[in-house]
Amino acid sequence: MSLVTPFNLLILIVITLFTFGSLSILAGMIILVNRAYSSELKALAAQTSRLVQKGIAEEIAGLVGQASTLLNAINDLIRSTAGLGFTLILVGFVLISTAAFIAYQMLR
């Protein structure tokens, strides 16, 4: 008797989809918690804000312009990192939903 039957193959597919979905959700949550709002980005944003205030106080137009560009880049970085985290979580839910659908169809 062969161990590779269609039923066993479907069970392997369901387990694999569920595992990858769970790992994807976990990775997305880790990215959202650790990287999107990391202390380094917060410190960089705070220093840039101080630089802008100093530039405004001393009327240095070039410094203010470059600092505001840096702040915009930091905001874009935070948004893209958060977007990656949300995308991984969404992909994880799709994979787990697919595994559940296949399992439901097998047992029906």
PDB file of N, CA and C in Angstrom:
ATOM      1  N   MET A   1       0.838  -1.179   0.000  1.00  0.00           N
ATOM      2  CA  MET A   1       0.000   0.000   0.000  1.00  0.00           C
ATOM      3  C   MET A   1       0.884   1.244   0.000  1.00  0.00           C
ATOM      4  N   SER A   2       0.565   2.185  -0.833  1.00  0.00           N
ATOM      5  CA  SER A   2       1.365   3.399  -0.976  1.00  0.00           C
ATOM      6  C   SER A   2       0.988   4.415   0.091  1.00  0.00           C
ATOM      7  N   LEU A   3       2.002   5.109   0.604  1.00  0.00           N
ATOM      8  CA  LEU A   3       1.761   6.156   1.607  1.00  0.00           C
ATOM      9  C   LEU A   3       1.289   7.457   0.980  1.00  0.00           C
ATOM     10  N   VAL A   4       1.525   7.611  -0.332  1.00  0.00           N
ATOM     11  CA  VAL A   4       1.142   8.845  -1.015  1.00  0.00           C
ATOM     12  C   VAL A   4      -0.207   8.623  -1.705  1.00  0.00           C
ATOM     13  N   THR A   5      -1.245   8.789  -0.923  1.00  0.00           N
ATOM     14  CA  THR A   5      -2.597   8.712  -1.471  1.00  0.00           C
ATOM     15  C   THR A   5      -3.105  10.139  -1.672  1.00  0.00           C
ATOM     16  N   PRO A   6      -4.142  10.305  -2.477  1.00  0.00           N
ATOM     17  CA  PRO A   6      -4.682  11.665  -2.657  1.00  0.00           C
ATOM     18  C   PRO A   6      -5.135  12.303  -1.343  1.00  0.00           C
ATOM     19  N   PHE A   7      -5.694  11.509  -0.442  1.00  0.00           N
ATOM     20  CA  PHE A   7      -6.135  12.049   0.837  1.00  0.00           C
ATOM     21  C   PHE A   7      -4.946  12.521   1.673  1.00  0.00           C
ATOM     22  N   ASN A   8      -3.877  11.712   1.719  1.00  0.00           N
ATOM     23  CA  ASN A   8      -2.673  12.102   2.473  1.00  0.00           C
ATOM     24  C   ASN A   8      -2.013  13.334   1.870  1.00  0.00           C
ATOM     25  N   LEU A   9      -2.041  13.425   0.564  1.00  0.00           N
ATOM     26  CA  LEU A   9      -1.467  14.595  -0.104  1.00  0.00           C
ATOM     27  C   LEU A   9      -2.263  15.858   0.239  1.00  0.00           C
ATOM     28  N   LEU A  10      -3.588  15.742   0.279  1.00  0.00           N
ATOM     29  CA  LEU A  10      -4.404  16.900   0.661  1.00  0.00           C
ATOM     30  C   LEU A  10      -4.162  17.288   2.117  1.00  0.00           C
ATOM     31  N   ILE A  11      -3.993  16.313   2.986  1.00  0.00           N
ATOM     32  CA  ILE A  11      -3.688  16.617   4.383  1.00  0.00           C
ATOM     33  C   ILE A  11      -2.347  17.351   4.478  1.00  0.00           C
ATOM     34  N   LEU A  12      -1.367  16.909   3.716  1.00  0.00           N
ATOM     35  CA  LEU A  12      -0.058  17.576   3.702  1.00  0.00           C
ATOM     36  C   LEU A  12      -0.186  19.012   3.197  1.00  0.00           C
ATOM     37  N   ILE A  13      -1.001  19.211   2.179  1.00  0.00           N
ATOM     38  CA  ILE A  13      -1.213  20.560   1.648  1.00  0.00           C
ATOM     39  C   ILE A  13      -1.883  21.446   2.695  1.00  0.00           C
ATOM     40  N   VAL A  14      -2.898  20.932   3.378  1.00  0.00           N
ATOM     41  CA  VAL A  14      -3.597  21.711   4.403  1.00  0.00           C
ATOM     42  C   VAL A  14      -2.640  22.081   5.534  1.00  0.00           C
ATOM     43  N   ILE A  15      -1.850  21.125   5.995  1.00  0.00           N
ATOM     44  CA  ILE A  15      -0.900  21.399   7.081  1.00  0.00           C
ATOM     45  C   ILE A  15       0.132  22.433   6.644  1.00  0.00           C
ATOM     46  N   THR A  16       0.614  22.311   5.413  1.00  0.00           N
ATOM     47  CA  THR A  16       1.613  23.253   4.897  1.00  0.00           C
ATOM     48  C   THR A  16       1.020  24.662   4.773  1.00  0.00           C
ATOM     49  N   LEU A  17      -0.181  24.766   4.224  1.00  0.00           N
ATOM     50  CA  LEU A  17      -0.821  26.082   4.092  1.00  0.00           C
ATOM     51  C   LEU A  17      -1.066  26.712   5.460  1.00  0.00           C
ATOM     52  N   PHE A  18      -1.531  25.913   6.411  1.00  0.00           N
ATOM     53  CA  PHE A  18      -1.786  26.438   7.745  1.00  0.00           C
ATOM     54  C   PHE A  18      -0.494  26.896   8.409  1.00  0.00           C
ATOM     55  N   THR A  19       0.579  26.114   8.254  1.00  0.00           N
ATOM     56  CA  THR A  19       1.869  26.474   8.858  1.00  0.00           C
ATOM     57  C   THR A  19       2.415  27.761   8.250  1.00  0.00           C
ATOM     58  N   PHE A  20       2.415  27.851   6.915  1.00  0.00           N
ATOM     59  CA  PHE A  20       2.920  29.061   6.268  1.00  0.00           C
ATOM     60  C   PHE A  20       2.039  30.273   6.595  1.00  0.00           C
ATOM     61  N   GLY A  21       0.740  30.070   6.699  1.00  0.00           N
ATOM     62  CA  GLY A  21      -0.151  31.161   7.080  1.00  0.00           C
ATOM     63  C   GLY A  21       0.131  31.663   8.482  1.00  0.00           C
ATOM     64  N   SER A  22       0.338  30.721   9.401  1.00  0.00           N
ATOM     65  CA  SER A  22       0.647  31.110  10.782  1.00  0.00           C
ATOM     66  C   SER A  22       1.981  31.842  10.863  1.00  0.00           C
ATOM     67  N   LEU A  23       2.975  31.348  10.136  1.00  0.00           N
ATOM     68  CA  LEU A  23       4.280  32.013  10.131  1.00  0.00           C
ATOM     69  C   LEU A  23       4.196  33.404   9.500  1.00  0.00           C
ATOM     70  N   SER A  24       3.385  33.538   8.471  1.00  0.00           N
ATOM     71  CA  SER A  24       3.222  34.838   7.827  1.00  0.00           C
ATOM     72  C   SER A  24       2.557  35.835   8.770  1.00  0.00           C
ATOM     73  N   ILE A  25       1.539  35.408   9.490  1.00  0.00           N
ATOM     74  CA  ILE A  25       0.882  36.295  10.455  1.00  0.00           C
ATOM     75  C   ILE A  25       1.857  36.681  11.559  1.00  0.00           C
ATOM     76  N   LEU A  26       2.613  35.722  12.046  1.00  0.00           N
ATOM     77  CA  LEU A  26       3.588  35.998  13.097  1.00  0.00           C
ATOM     78  C   LEU A  26       4.650  36.991  12.618  1.00  0.00           C
ATOM     79  N   ALA A  27       5.154  36.784  11.402  1.00  0.00           N
ATOM     80  CA  ALA A  27       6.160  37.704  10.855  1.00  0.00           C
ATOM     81  C   ALA A  27       5.586  39.104  10.676  1.00  0.00           C
ATOM     82  N   GLY A  28       4.350  39.199  10.210  1.00  0.00           N
ATOM     83  CA  GLY A  28       3.713  40.503  10.054  1.00  0.00           C
ATOM     84  C   GLY A  28       3.555  41.225  11.379  1.00  0.00           C
ATOM     85  N   MET A  29       3.173  40.481  12.415  1.00  0.00           N
ATOM     86  CA  MET A  29       3.025  41.101  13.733  1.00  0.00           C
ATOM     87  C   MET A  29       4.370  41.554  14.290  1.00  0.00           C
ATOM     88  N   ILE A  30       5.402  40.746  14.078  1.00  0.00           N
ATOM     89  CA  ILE A  30       6.744  41.124  14.551  1.00  0.00           C
ATOM     90  C   ILE A  30       7.207  42.394  13.837  1.00  0.00           C
ATOM     91  N   ILE A  31       6.970  42.463  12.541  1.00  0.00           N
ATOM     92  CA  ILE A  31       7.369  43.655  11.782  1.00  0.00           C
ATOM     93  C   ILE A  31       6.617  44.878  12.280  1.00  0.00           C
ATOM     94  N   LEU A  32       5.315  44.731  12.519  1.00  0.00           N
ATOM     95  CA  LEU A  32       4.539  45.874  12.997  1.00  0.00           C
ATOM     96  C   LEU A  32       4.994  46.333  14.372  1.00  0.00           C
ATOM     97  N   VAL A  33       5.289  45.393  15.251  1.00  0.00           N
ATOM     98  CA  VAL A  33       5.648  45.765  16.618  1.00  0.00           C
ATOM     99  C   VAL A  33       7.078  46.292  16.696  1.00  0.00           C
ATOM    100  N   ASN A  34       8.004  45.618  16.056  1.00  0.00           N
ATOM    101  CA  ASN A  34       9.422  45.957  16.226  1.00  0.00           C
ATOM    102  C   ASN A  34       9.940  47.010  15.257  1.00  0.00           C
ATOM    103  N   ARG A  35       9.614  46.891  14.005  1.00  0.00           N
ATOM    104  CA  ARG A  35      10.272  47.731  13.009  1.00  0.00           C
ATOM    105  C   ARG A  35       9.517  49.008  12.688  1.00  0.00           C
ATOM    106  N   ALA A  36       8.203  48.957  12.636  1.00  0.00           N
ATOM    107  CA  ALA A  36       7.455  50.126  12.185  1.00  0.00           C
ATOM    108  C   ALA A  36       7.578  51.284  13.162  1.00  0.00           C
ATOM    109  N   TYR A  37       7.671  50.989  14.421  1.00  0.00           N
ATOM    110  CA  TYR A  37       7.739  52.053  15.418  1.00  0.00           C
ATOM    111  C   TYR A  37       8.968  51.860  16.306  1.00  0.00           C
ATOM    112  N   SER A  38      10.088  51.586  15.683  1.00  0.00           N
ATOM    113  CA  SER A  38      11.295  51.329  16.446  1.00  0.00           C
ATOM    114  C   SER A  38      11.812  52.604  17.102  1.00  0.00           C
ATOM    115  N   SER A  39      12.599  52.431  18.127  1.00  0.00           N
ATOM    116  CA  SER A  39      13.120  53.580  18.875  1.00  0.00           C
ATOM    117  C   SER A  39      14.091  54.396  18.031  1.00  0.00           C
ATOM    118  N   GLU A  40      14.802  53.735  17.103  1.00  0.00           N
ATOM    119  CA  GLU A  40      15.733  54.474  16.254  1.00  0.00           C
ATOM    120  C   GLU A  40      14.989  55.467  15.354  1.00  0.00           C
ATOM    121  N   LEU A  41      13.865  55.015  14.785  1.00  0.00           N
ATOM    122  CA  LEU A  41      13.099  55.921  13.933  1.00  0.00           C
ATOM    123  C   LEU A  41      12.488  57.054  14.740  1.00  0.00           C
ATOM    124  N   LYS A  42      12.039  56.751  15.947  1.00  0.00           N
ATOM    125  CA  LYS A  42      11.490  57.807  16.799  1.00  0.00           C
ATOM    126  C   LYS A  42      12.567  58.831  17.156  1.00  0.00           C
ATOM    127  N   ALA A  43      13.762  58.344  17.488  1.00  0.00           N
ATOM    128  CA  ALA A  43      14.853  59.263  17.835  1.00  0.00           C
ATOM    129  C   ALA A  43      15.258  60.110  16.633  1.00  0.00           C
ATOM    130  N   LEU A  44      15.314  59.485  15.459  1.00  0.00           N
ATOM    131  CA  LEU A  44      15.669  60.220  14.248  1.00  0.00           C
ATOM    132  C   LEU A  44      14.627  61.287  13.939  1.00  0.00           C
ATOM    133  N   ALA A  45      13.363  60.965  14.098  1.00  0.00           N
ATOM    134  CA  ALA A  45      12.306  61.938  13.860  1.00  0.00           C
ATOM    135  C   ALA A  45      12.383  63.081  14.870  1.00  0.00           C
ATOM    136  N   ALA A  46      12.682  62.773  16.123  1.00  0.00           N
ATOM    137  CA  ALA A  46      12.790  63.821  17.147  1.00  0.00           C
ATOM    138  C   ALA A  46      13.969  64.744  16.857  1.00  0.00           C
ATOM    139  N   GLN A  47      15.112  64.166  16.471  1.00  0.00           N
ATOM    140  CA  GLN A  47      16.277  64.984  16.157  1.00  0.00           C
ATOM    141  C   GLN A  47      16.022  65.865  14.937  1.00  0.00           C
ATOM    142  N   THR A  48      15.328  65.324  13.959  1.00  0.00           N
ATOM    143  CA  THR A  48      15.031  66.104  12.759  1.00  0.00           C
ATOM    144  C   THR A  48      14.090  67.250  13.094  1.00  0.00           C
ATOM    145  N   SER A  49      13.121  66.990  13.964  1.00  0.00           N
ATOM    146  CA  SER A  49      12.213  68.067  14.378  1.00  0.00           C
ATOM    147  C   SER A  49      12.968  69.179  15.085  1.00  0.00           C
ATOM    148  N   ARG A  50      13.906  68.794  15.934  1.00  0.00           N
ATOM    149  CA  ARG A  50      14.722  69.821  16.610  1.00  0.00           C
ATOM    150  C   ARG A  50      15.563  70.608  15.608  1.00  0.00           C
ATOM    151  N   LEU A  51      16.070  69.905  14.604  1.00  0.00           N
ATOM    152  CA  LEU A  51      16.862  70.552  13.571  1.00  0.00           C
ATOM    153  C   LEU A  51      16.016  71.558  12.793  1.00  0.00           C
ATOM    154  N   VAL A  52      14.783  71.191  12.507  1.00  0.00           N
ATOM    155  CA  VAL A  52      13.880  72.105  11.804  1.00  0.00           C
ATOM    156  C   VAL A  52      13.617  73.331  12.661  1.00  0.00           C
ATOM    157  N   GLN A  53      13.356  73.133  13.949  1.00  0.00           N
ATOM    158  CA  GLN A  53      13.091  74.268  14.837  1.00  0.00           C
ATOM    159  C   GLN A  53      14.301  75.195  14.927  1.00  0.00           C
ATOM    160  N   LYS A  54      15.490  74.597  14.999  1.00  0.00           N
ATOM    161  CA  LYS A  54      16.698  75.416  15.061  1.00  0.00           C
ATOM    162  C   LYS A  54      16.882  76.181  13.752  1.00  0.00           C
ATOM    163  N   GLY A  55      16.603  75.507  12.628  1.00  0.00           N
ATOM    164  CA  GLY A  55      16.728  76.168  11.334  1.00  0.00           C
ATOM    165  C   GLY A  55      15.753  77.307  11.178  1.00  0.00           C
ATOM    166  N   ILE A  56      14.548  77.137  11.699  1.00  0.00           N
ATOM    167  CA  ILE A  56      13.553  78.217  11.623  1.00  0.00           C
ATOM    168  C   ILE A  56      13.974  79.379  12.515  1.00  0.00           C
ATOM    169  N   ALA A  57      14.493  79.052  13.701  1.00  0.00           N
ATOM    170  CA  ALA A  57      14.903  80.105  14.633  1.00  0.00           C
ATOM    171  C   ALA A  57      16.062  80.907  14.062  1.00  0.00           C
ATOM    172  N   GLU A  58      16.984  80.248  13.360  1.00  0.00           N
ATOM    173  CA  GLU A  58      18.143  80.947  12.809  1.00  0.00           C
ATOM    174  C   GLU A  58      17.945  81.342  11.351  1.00  0.00           C
ATOM    175  N   GLU A  59      16.740  81.098  10.823  1.00  0.00           N
ATOM    176  CA  GLU A  59      16.377  81.461   9.457  1.00  0.00           C
ATOM    177  C   GLU A  59      17.330  80.871   8.425  1.00  0.00           C
ATOM    178  N   ILE A  60      17.552  79.591   8.536  1.00  0.00           N
ATOM    179  CA  ILE A  60      18.380  78.882   7.558  1.00  0.00           C
ATOM    180  C   ILE A  60      17.440  78.071   6.672  1.00  0.00           C
ATOM    181  N   ALA A  61      17.149  78.597   5.507  1.00  0.00           N
ATOM    182  CA  ALA A  61      16.135  78.010   4.632  1.00  0.00           C
ATOM    183  C   ALA A  61      16.552  76.631   4.101  1.00  0.00           C
ATOM    184  N   GLY A  62      17.780  76.484   3.703  1.00  0.00           N
ATOM    185  CA  GLY A  62      18.236  75.208   3.144  1.00  0.00           C
ATOM    186  C   GLY A  62      18.166  74.085   4.153  1.00  0.00           C
ATOM    187  N   LEU A  63      18.549  74.383   5.394  1.00  0.00           N
ATOM    188  CA  LEU A  63      18.521  73.384   6.449  1.00  0.00           C
ATOM    189  C   LEU A  63      17.100  72.931   6.734  1.00  0.00           C
ATOM    190  N   VAL A  64      16.168  73.873   6.756  1.00  0.00           N
ATOM    191  CA  VAL A  64      14.765  73.539   7.017  1.00  0.00           C
ATOM    192  C   VAL A  64      14.207  72.675   5.880  1.00  0.00           C
ATOM    193  N   GLY A  65      14.551  73.028   4.660  1.00  0.00           N
ATOM    194  CA  GLY A  65      14.069  72.255   3.515  1.00  0.00           C
ATOM    195  C   GLY A  65      14.576  70.827   3.531  1.00  0.00           C
ATOM    196  N   GLN A  66      15.852  70.657   3.809  1.00  0.00           N
ATOM    197  CA  GLN A  66      16.416  69.309   3.851  1.00  0.00           C
ATOM    198  C   GLN A  66      15.881  68.506   5.025  1.00  0.00           C
ATOM    199  N   ALA A  67      15.684  69.162   6.149  1.00  0.00           N
ATOM    200  CA  ALA A  67      15.152  68.461   7.315  1.00  0.00           C
ATOM    201  C   ALA A  67      13.708  68.031   7.079  1.00  0.00           C
ATOM    202  N   SER A  68      12.933  68.861   6.416  1.00  0.00           N
ATOM    203  CA  SER A  68      11.552  68.466   6.134  1.00  0.00           C
ATOM    204  C   SER A  68      11.518  67.313   5.131  1.00  0.00           C
ATOM    205  N   THR A  69      12.453  67.301   4.194  1.00  0.00           N
ATOM    206  CA  THR A  69      12.564  66.175   3.273  1.00  0.00           C
ATOM    207  C   THR A  69      12.910  64.893   4.026  1.00  0.00           C
ATOM    208  N   LEU A  70      13.799  65.004   5.013  1.00  0.00           N
ATOM    209  CA  LEU A  70      14.151  63.852   5.840  1.00  0.00           C
ATOM    210  C   LEU A  70      12.953  63.361   6.634  1.00  0.00           C
ATOM    211  N   LEU A  71      12.168  64.274   7.185  1.00  0.00           N
ATOM    212  CA  LEU A  71      10.958  63.879   7.925  1.00  0.00           C
ATOM    213  C   LEU A  71       9.970  63.160   7.014  1.00  0.00           C
ATOM    214  N   ASN A  72       9.801  63.648   5.800  1.00  0.00           N
ATOM    215  CA  ASN A  72       8.916  62.974   4.846  1.00  0.00           C
ATOM    216  C   ASN A  72       9.423  61.579   4.516  1.00  0.00           C
ATOM    217  N   ALA A  73      10.735  61.432   4.362  1.00  0.00           N
ATOM    218  CA  ALA A  73      11.306  60.119   4.081  1.00  0.00           C
ATOM    219  C   ALA A  73      11.096  59.154   5.249  1.00  0.00           C
ATOM    220  N   ILE A  74      11.226  59.667   6.473  1.00  0.00           N
ATOM    221  CA  ILE A  74      10.987  58.825   7.658  1.00  0.00           C
ATOM    222  C   ILE A  74       9.527  58.383   7.699  1.00  0.00           C
ATOM    223  N   ASN A  75       8.617  59.298   7.420  1.00  0.00           N
ATOM    224  CA  ASN A  75       7.195  58.943   7.406  1.00  0.00           C
ATOM    225  C   ASN A  75       6.884  57.901   6.337  1.00  0.00           C
ATOM    226  N   ASP A  76       7.489  58.042   5.160  1.00  0.00           N
ATOM    227  CA  ASP A  76       7.294  57.048   4.099  1.00  0.00           C
ATOM    228  C   ASP A  76       7.847  55.692   4.508  1.00  0.00           C
ATOM    229  N   LEU A  77       8.991  55.696   5.179  1.00  0.00           N
ATOM    230  CA  LEU A  77       9.586  54.441   5.639  1.00  0.00           C
ATOM    231  C   LEU A  77       8.684  53.748   6.651  1.00  0.00           C
ATOM    232  N   ILE A  78       8.136  54.511   7.573  1.00  0.00           N
ATOM    233  CA  ILE A  78       7.239  53.924   8.570  1.00  0.00           C
ATOM    234  C   ILE A  78       5.988  53.379   7.897  1.00  0.00           C
ATOM    235  N   ARG A  79       5.442  54.115   6.946  1.00  0.00           N
ATOM    236  CA  ARG A  79       4.249  53.644   6.247  1.00  0.00           C
ATOM    237  C   ARG A  79       4.527  52.386   5.441  1.00  0.00           C
ATOM    238  N   SER A  80       5.674  52.329   4.762  1.00  0.00           N
ATOM    239  CA  SER A  80       5.969  51.144   3.951  1.00  0.00           C
ATOM    240  C   SER A  80       6.253  49.931   4.827  1.00  0.00           C
ATOM    241  N   THR A  81       6.892  50.116   5.964  1.00  0.00           N
ATOM    242  CA  THR A  81       7.136  49.005   6.872  1.00  0.00           C
ATOM    243  C   THR A  81       5.820  48.512   7.457  1.00  0.00           C
ATOM    244  N   ALA A  82       4.952  49.435   7.835  1.00  0.00           N
ATOM    245  CA  ALA A  82       3.643  49.035   8.351  1.00  0.00           C
ATOM    246  C   ALA A  82       2.833  48.345   7.252  1.00  0.00           C
ATOM    247  N   GLY A  83       2.946  48.832   6.036  1.00  0.00           N
ATOM    248  CA  GLY A  83       2.247  48.198   4.912  1.00  0.00           C
ATOM    249  C   GLY A  83       2.729  46.782   4.674  1.00  0.00           C
ATOM    250  N   LEU A  84       4.023  46.565   4.808  1.00  0.00           N
ATOM    251  CA  LEU A  84       4.568  45.214   4.661  1.00  0.00           C
ATOM    252  C   LEU A  84       4.025  44.306   5.752  1.00  0.00           C
ATOM    253  N   GLY A  85       3.969  44.798   6.972  1.00  0.00           N
ATOM    254  CA  GLY A  85       3.436  43.998   8.072  1.00  0.00           C
ATOM    255  C   GLY A  85       1.980  43.631   7.849  1.00  0.00           C
ATOM    256  N   PHE A  86       1.170  44.612   7.440  1.00  0.00           N
ATOM    257  CA  PHE A  86      -0.239  44.338   7.175  1.00  0.00           C
ATOM    258  C   PHE A  86      -0.410  43.377   6.006  1.00  0.00           C
ATOM    259  N   THR A  87       0.424  43.499   4.981  1.00  0.00           N
ATOM    260  CA  THR A  87       0.346  42.594   3.844  1.00  0.00           C
ATOM    261  C   THR A  87       0.669  41.163   4.261  1.00  0.00           C
ATOM    262  N   LEU A  88       1.698  40.993   5.081  1.00  0.00           N
ATOM    263  CA  LEU A  88       2.027  39.646   5.561  1.00  0.00           C
ATOM    264  C   LEU A  88       0.889  39.062   6.386  1.00  0.00           C
ATOM    265  N   ILE A  89       0.260  39.877   7.210  1.00  0.00           N
ATOM    266  CA  ILE A  89      -0.865  39.392   8.007  1.00  0.00           C
ATOM    267  C   ILE A  89      -2.029  39.001   7.094  1.00  0.00           C
ATOM    268  N   LEU A  90      -2.304  39.804   6.085  1.00  0.00           N
ATOM    269  CA  LEU A  90      -3.380  39.501   5.148  1.00  0.00           C
ATOM    270  C   LEU A  90      -3.096  38.207   4.387  1.00  0.00           C
ATOM    271  N   VAL A  91      -1.869  38.042   3.911  1.00  0.00           N
ATOM    272  CA  VAL A  91      -1.489  36.812   3.202  1.00  0.00           C
ATOM    273  C   VAL A  91      -1.642  35.603   4.126  1.00  0.00           C
ATOM    274  N   GLY A  92      -1.265  35.763   5.387  1.00  0.00           N
ATOM    275  CA  GLY A  92      -1.409  34.683   6.354  1.00  0.00           C
ATOM    276  C   GLY A  92      -2.853  34.266   6.534  1.00  0.00           C
ATOM    277  N   PHE A  93      -3.752  35.259   6.636  1.00  0.00           N
ATOM    278  CA  PHE A  93      -5.170  34.932   6.783  1.00  0.00           C
ATOM    279  C   PHE A  93      -5.721  34.251   5.535  1.00  0.00           C
ATOM    280  N   VAL A  94      -5.252  34.667   4.360  1.00  0.00           N
ATOM    281  CA  VAL A  94      -5.696  34.021   3.118  1.00  0.00           C
ATOM    282  C   VAL A  94      -5.215  32.572   3.079  1.00  0.00           C
ATOM    283  N   LEU A  95      -3.972  32.329   3.464  1.00  0.00           N
ATOM    284  CA  LEU A  95      -3.447  30.960   3.464  1.00  0.00           C
ATOM    285  C   LEU A  95      -4.203  30.074   4.455  1.00  0.00           C
ATOM    286  N   ILE A  96      -4.473  30.598   5.642  1.00  0.00           N
ATOM    287  CA  ILE A  96      -5.208  29.811   6.633  1.00  0.00           C
ATOM    288  C   ILE A  96      -6.644  29.580   6.173  1.00  0.00           C
ATOM    289  N   SER A  97      -7.261  30.574   5.560  1.00  0.00           N
ATOM    290  CA  SER A  97      -8.619  30.403   5.035  1.00  0.00           C
ATOM    291  C   SER A  97      -8.651  29.352   3.935  1.00  0.00           C
ATOM    292  N   THR A  98      -7.644  29.356   3.080  1.00  0.00           N
ATOM    293  CA  THR A  98      -7.558  28.347   2.021  1.00  0.00           C
ATOM    294  C   THR A  98      -7.394  26.961   2.627  1.00  0.00           C
ATOM    295  N   ALA A  99      -6.553  26.833   3.646  1.00  0.00           N
ATOM    296  CA  ALA A  99      -6.374  25.540   4.313  1.00  0.00           C
ATOM    297  C   ALA A  99      -7.681  25.075   4.940  1.00  0.00           C
ATOM    298  N   ALA A 100      -8.413  25.987   5.557  1.00  0.00           N
ATOM    299  CA  ALA A 100      -9.692  25.622   6.172  1.00  0.00           C
ATOM    300  C   ALA A 100     -10.709  25.212   5.114  1.00  0.00           C
ATOM    301  N   PHE A 101     -10.717  25.908   3.989  1.00  0.00           N
ATOM    302  CA  PHE A 101     -11.643  25.558   2.913  1.00  0.00           C
ATOM    303  C   PHE A 101     -11.348  24.167   2.370  1.00  0.00           C
ATOM    304  N   ILE A 102     -10.076  23.878   2.139  1.00  0.00           N
ATOM    305  CA  ILE A 102      -9.697  22.556   1.626  1.00  0.00           C
ATOM    306  C   ILE A 102     -10.052  21.474   2.642  1.00  0.00           C
ATOM    307  N   ALA A 103      -9.782  21.728   3.920  1.00  0.00           N
ATOM    308  CA  ALA A 103     -10.113  20.755   4.952  1.00  0.00           C
ATOM    309  C   ALA A 103     -11.622  20.533   5.032  1.00  0.00           C
ATOM    310  N   TYR A 104     -12.382  21.596   4.899  1.00  0.00           N
ATOM    311  CA  TYR A 104     -13.843  21.470   4.930  1.00  0.00           C
ATOM    312  C   TYR A 104     -14.335  20.645   3.750  1.00  0.00           C
ATOM    313  N   GLN A 105     -13.759  20.890   2.570  1.00  0.00           N
ATOM    314  CA  GLN A 105     -14.160  20.135   1.377  1.00  0.00           C
ATOM    315  C   GLN A 105     -13.776  18.659   1.497  1.00  0.00           C
ATOM    316  N   MET A 106     -12.677  18.376   2.181  1.00  0.00           N
ATOM    317  CA  MET A 106     -12.246  16.975   2.355  1.00  0.00           C
ATOM    318  C   MET A 106     -13.210  16.218   3.262  1.00  0.00           C
ATOM    319  N   LEU A 107     -13.693  16.880   4.282  1.00  0.00           N
ATOM    320  CA  LEU A 107     -14.531  16.219   5.283  1.00  0.00           C
ATOM    321  C   LEU A 107     -16.013  16.193   4.881  1.00  0.00           C
ATOM    322  N   ARG A 108     -16.354  16.856   3.842  1.00  0.00           N
ATOM    323  CA  ARG A 108     -17.750  16.907   3.420  1.00  0.00           C
ATOM    324  C   ARG A 108     -18.172  15.715   2.661  1.00  0.00           C
TER     325      ARG A 108
END
